Protein backbone atom coordinates (compact mmCIF):
# COMPACT_ATOMS: atom_id res chain seq x y z
CA MET A 1 0.00 0.00 0.00
CA ILE A 2 1.43 3.38 -0.94
CA LEU A 3 2.19 6.12 1.63
CA LYS A 4 1.62 9.44 -0.11
CA MET A 5 3.42 11.75 2.27
CA THR A 6 6.64 13.74 2.42
CA SER A 7 9.80 11.84 3.24
CA ARG A 8 9.98 13.65 6.58
CA ALA A 9 6.38 12.67 7.41
CA ALA A 10 7.04 9.09 6.41
CA ALA A 11 10.19 8.99 8.50
CA ARG A 12 8.27 10.17 11.57
CA LEU A 13 5.60 7.56 11.07
CA ARG A 14 8.29 4.92 10.63
CA LEU A 15 10.02 5.98 13.83
CA THR A 16 6.64 5.62 15.55
CA ALA A 17 6.36 2.17 14.04
CA LEU A 18 9.77 1.19 15.40
CA ALA A 19 8.65 2.22 18.88
CA ALA A 20 5.65 -0.05 18.56
CA VAL A 21 7.65 -3.09 17.37
CA PRO A 22 7.29 -5.07 20.64
CA VAL A 23 3.56 -5.48 19.99
CA LEU A 24 4.02 -6.66 16.40
CA VAL A 25 3.28 -10.36 16.47
CA PHE A 26 1.12 -12.43 14.09
CA SER A 27 -1.72 -14.68 15.33
CA ALA A 28 -1.07 -18.33 14.43
CA ALA A 29 -3.94 -19.83 12.46
CA CYS A 30 -5.29 -23.14 13.65
CA GLY A 31 -7.14 -25.48 11.36
CA GLY A 32 -8.79 -28.81 11.61
CA GLY A 33 -10.65 -31.21 9.40
CA ASP A 34 -13.63 -33.46 9.94
CA ASP A 35 -12.88 -37.14 10.48
CA ASP A 36 -15.49 -39.34 8.89
CA GLY A 37 -13.76 -42.39 10.35
CA GLY A 38 -13.15 -44.15 7.05
CA GLY A 39 -13.81 -42.00 4.02
CA GLY A 40 -17.57 -42.28 4.40
CA ALA A 41 -17.75 -46.08 3.98
CA LYS A 42 -20.04 -47.93 6.41
CA SER A 43 -19.57 -51.42 7.78
CA HIS A 44 -22.44 -53.80 6.97
CA GLY A 45 -21.78 -55.79 10.14
CA ILE A 46 -22.61 -52.95 12.56
CA ALA A 47 -26.14 -51.74 13.16
CA GLU A 48 -26.64 -48.00 12.76
CA ALA A 49 -28.28 -45.90 15.45
CA PRO A 50 -31.86 -44.95 14.56
CA ASP A 51 -32.52 -41.44 13.30
CA THR A 52 -34.56 -39.67 15.98
CA SER A 53 -34.31 -36.17 14.55
CA SER A 54 -37.89 -36.26 13.26
CA THR A 55 -39.47 -37.70 16.41
CA SER A 56 -37.81 -35.85 19.27
CA GLN A 57 -36.17 -32.53 20.12
CA PRO A 58 -33.55 -31.60 22.71
CA ALA A 59 -35.08 -30.78 26.04
CA GLU A 60 -33.64 -27.26 26.01
CA ASP A 61 -35.74 -26.41 22.93
CA ALA A 62 -38.84 -26.64 25.13
CA ASN A 63 -37.42 -23.95 27.38
CA PRO A 64 -36.91 -20.71 25.40
CA ALA A 65 -35.05 -19.00 28.23
CA LYS A 66 -32.61 -21.87 28.56
CA SER A 67 -32.12 -22.07 24.79
CA ALA A 68 -31.40 -18.35 24.61
CA LYS A 69 -28.87 -18.65 27.41
CA SER A 70 -27.19 -21.58 25.67
CA ALA A 71 -26.90 -19.60 22.43
CA LYS A 72 -25.52 -16.62 24.32
CA ASP A 73 -22.88 -18.77 25.99
CA LYS A 74 -21.57 -20.07 22.67
CA PRO A 75 -18.26 -18.39 21.66
CA SER A 76 -18.27 -15.94 18.77
CA THR A 77 -16.82 -17.13 15.49
CA GLN A 78 -14.81 -13.90 15.30
CA PRO A 79 -11.55 -13.91 17.31
CA ALA A 80 -12.00 -11.78 20.40
CA GLY A 81 -8.59 -10.12 19.93
CA LYS A 82 -9.41 -8.97 16.41
CA SER A 83 -12.78 -7.54 17.46
CA ALA A 84 -11.26 -5.71 20.43
CA PHE A 85 -8.51 -4.37 18.15
CA TYR A 86 -11.01 -2.98 15.65
CA ASP A 87 -13.10 -1.42 18.41
CA ALA A 88 -10.02 0.19 19.95
CA GLN A 89 -8.96 1.51 16.56
CA MET A 90 -12.41 3.00 15.97
CA THR A 91 -12.28 4.71 19.37
CA PHE A 92 -8.94 6.21 18.39
CA VAL A 93 -10.34 7.34 15.03
CA GLN A 94 -13.30 9.01 16.73
CA CYS A 95 -10.93 10.83 19.08
CA MET A 96 -8.82 12.01 16.15
CA ARG A 97 -11.95 13.35 14.43
CA ALA A 98 -13.56 14.99 17.46
CA LYS A 99 -10.57 16.30 19.40
CA GLY A 100 -7.40 15.56 17.45
CA GLY A 101 -7.89 18.08 14.67
CA TYR A 102 -8.50 15.58 11.84
CA PRO A 103 -12.28 15.46 11.18
CA GLU A 104 -11.64 13.42 8.00
CA TYR A 105 -9.40 10.83 9.68
CA PRO A 106 -10.09 7.55 7.82
CA ASP A 107 -11.80 4.47 9.21
CA PRO A 108 -9.55 1.47 9.80
CA LYS A 109 -9.68 -1.48 7.45
CA LEU A 110 -11.89 -4.43 8.40
CA SER A 111 -8.82 -6.13 9.84
CA GLY A 112 -8.53 -3.28 12.34
CA TYR A 113 -5.28 -1.93 10.90
CA PRO A 114 -5.10 1.70 9.73
CA ASP A 115 -5.51 2.57 6.08
CA TRP A 116 -1.99 3.92 5.84
CA SER A 117 -2.34 5.35 2.35
CA LYS A 118 -5.17 7.63 3.52
CA VAL A 119 -3.44 8.47 6.80
CA GLY A 120 -0.34 9.35 4.79
CA GLU A 121 -2.29 11.67 2.55
CA LEU A 122 -3.48 13.62 5.59
CA GLY A 123 0.01 13.77 7.06
CA SER A 124 1.45 15.07 3.80
CA GLN A 125 -0.78 18.14 3.81
CA PRO A 126 0.95 21.38 4.86
CA GLY A 127 1.00 21.80 8.62
CA ARG A 128 -0.85 18.56 9.33
CA ASN A 129 1.93 16.08 9.99
CA ALA A 130 2.69 17.16 13.56
CA GLY A 131 -0.50 15.71 15.03
CA ILE A 132 -1.03 12.76 12.70
CA LYS A 133 0.27 10.26 15.26
CA ALA A 134 -1.91 11.02 18.29
CA GLY A 135 -3.79 14.22 17.52
CA LYS A 136 -3.06 17.84 18.26
CA ASP A 137 -1.08 18.12 21.50
CA ASN A 138 -1.21 14.30 21.76
CA VAL A 139 -4.83 14.54 22.89
CA CYS A 140 -5.52 10.96 21.67
CA VAL A 141 -2.42 9.31 23.11
CA ASP A 142 -4.42 7.21 25.59
CA GLU A 143 -6.59 5.86 22.78
CA LEU A 144 -3.44 5.12 20.75
CA LYS A 145 -1.98 3.13 23.65
CA ALA A 146 -5.22 1.14 23.89
CA VAL A 147 -4.90 0.30 20.19
CA MET A 148 -1.35 -0.96 20.69
CA ALA A 149 -2.41 -3.06 23.68
CA ALA A 150 -5.29 -4.63 21.73
CA GLU A 151 -3.33 -5.42 18.55
CA PRO A 152 -3.40 -9.15 17.77
CA LYS A 153 -0.14 -10.98 18.27
CA ARG A 154 1.99 -11.46 15.20
CA ASP A 155 4.26 -14.22 14.01
CA GLN A 156 7.54 -12.33 14.03
CA GLN A 157 9.22 -14.72 11.60
CA LYS A 158 6.44 -14.16 9.06
CA SER A 159 6.70 -10.41 9.63
CA TYR A 160 10.42 -10.55 8.97
CA GLU A 161 10.03 -12.67 5.82
CA SER A 162 7.34 -10.34 4.48
CA MET A 163 9.41 -7.20 5.04
CA LEU A 164 12.54 -8.89 3.65
CA ALA A 165 10.70 -9.77 0.42
CA HIS A 166 9.43 -6.20 0.22
CA ALA A 167 12.90 -4.70 0.76
CA LYS A 168 14.39 -6.90 -1.96
CA CYS A 169 11.56 -5.92 -4.31
CA MET A 170 12.15 -2.23 -3.66
CA ARG A 171 15.84 -2.58 -4.52
CA ASP A 172 15.02 -4.62 -7.61
CA ASN A 173 12.74 -1.78 -8.70
CA GLY A 174 15.36 0.94 -8.46
CA VAL A 175 15.44 2.02 -4.78
CA SER A 176 18.98 0.75 -4.21
CA GLN A 177 19.38 2.22 -0.70
CA PHE A 178 16.34 0.44 0.75
CA THR A 179 17.63 -1.61 3.69
CA ASN A 180 16.55 -5.06 4.92
CA PRO A 181 14.61 -5.60 8.15
CA VAL A 182 16.41 -7.23 11.07
CA MET A 183 15.43 -9.51 13.95
CA SER A 184 16.13 -7.96 17.35
CA GLY A 185 15.14 -9.53 20.65
CA GLY A 186 12.74 -11.84 18.85
CA ASN A 187 11.00 -8.95 17.08
CA ALA A 188 11.06 -8.01 13.40
CA VAL A 189 12.39 -4.45 13.01
CA PRO A 190 11.46 -2.79 9.70
CA GLY A 191 13.98 -1.77 7.09
CA GLY A 192 13.69 1.08 4.62
CA ASP A 193 15.57 4.34 4.67
CA PRO A 194 19.10 3.81 6.03
CA SER A 195 18.74 7.07 8.00
CA PRO A 196 15.09 7.48 9.07
CA GLY A 197 15.87 10.45 11.31
CA SER A 198 17.36 12.30 8.34
CA PRO A 199 15.91 10.57 5.26
CA THR A 200 18.18 9.92 2.30
CA ILE A 201 15.50 8.28 0.12
CA ASP A 202 13.18 10.68 -1.70
CA GLN A 203 9.76 9.13 -1.12
CA GLU A 204 8.15 11.74 -3.33
CA SER A 205 10.15 10.77 -6.39
CA PRO A 206 8.34 9.02 -9.27
CA ALA A 207 10.82 6.12 -9.08
CA TYR A 208 10.09 5.52 -5.40
CA LYS A 209 6.32 5.69 -5.89
CA GLN A 210 6.51 3.25 -8.79
CA ALA A 211 8.55 0.83 -6.67
CA ARG A 212 6.05 1.09 -3.79
CA GLU A 213 3.22 0.29 -6.18
CA ALA A 214 5.09 -2.67 -7.65
CA CYS A 215 5.99 -4.10 -4.24
CA LYS A 216 2.92 -3.33 -2.12
CA THR A 217 1.64 -6.91 -2.22
CA LYS A 218 4.81 -8.17 -0.53
CA LEU A 219 3.78 -6.69 2.82
CA LEU A 220 1.32 -8.45 5.10
CA ASP A 221 -1.68 -6.53 6.41
CA GLY A 222 -0.64 -4.02 9.03
CA LEU A 223 2.99 -3.86 7.90
CA ASP A 224 2.37 -1.41 5.08
CA GLY A 225 2.75 1.51 7.48
CA MET A 226 5.90 0.10 9.06
CA GLN A 227 8.38 -0.21 6.19
């Protein structure tokens, strides 16, 4: 995803990203398959249990209150961490709009991560980069901390591999100074400009923008604002 902001604005966002590295971990996906116990074949020597679905119902169906409680107790199919992350991000967005000085601050993506291209566009506007991180005078810093605390855990190895592929792609597309990410203390630290505090890569140049467009699919969701 492309960050359309000045190199100084991008460097500040990237420094913010580096500070948030300890919470960058990917959730491991768990999967399972149904076991039909033999590819669906049935033994002719074993009697099958009678089908009672048409003649009886579970006892709890006769008690609406109990059935409602049972349904309520069932876990949501949406991971709790992801839902809490999205909610925290929306609270931050609302703060940025109401008090932070950015009434057009964009909604997060469905994953809960910011839409960095739109955030970058705001930060690149004259005089608007200073408060893009946590609002004017850091008025939304508490909401930002809540977002960081609620962010789902990442698989650091996958983060590193994603950013490494992106860095290589950027160099292959003409941004020769783009550095690789590194692993530090078990965390993936983004690469990019070799001197983020005093940028040496012109992120406003046509060559850089073309490389970002060509390589944007290399970064996993949520990493597009980091490197």
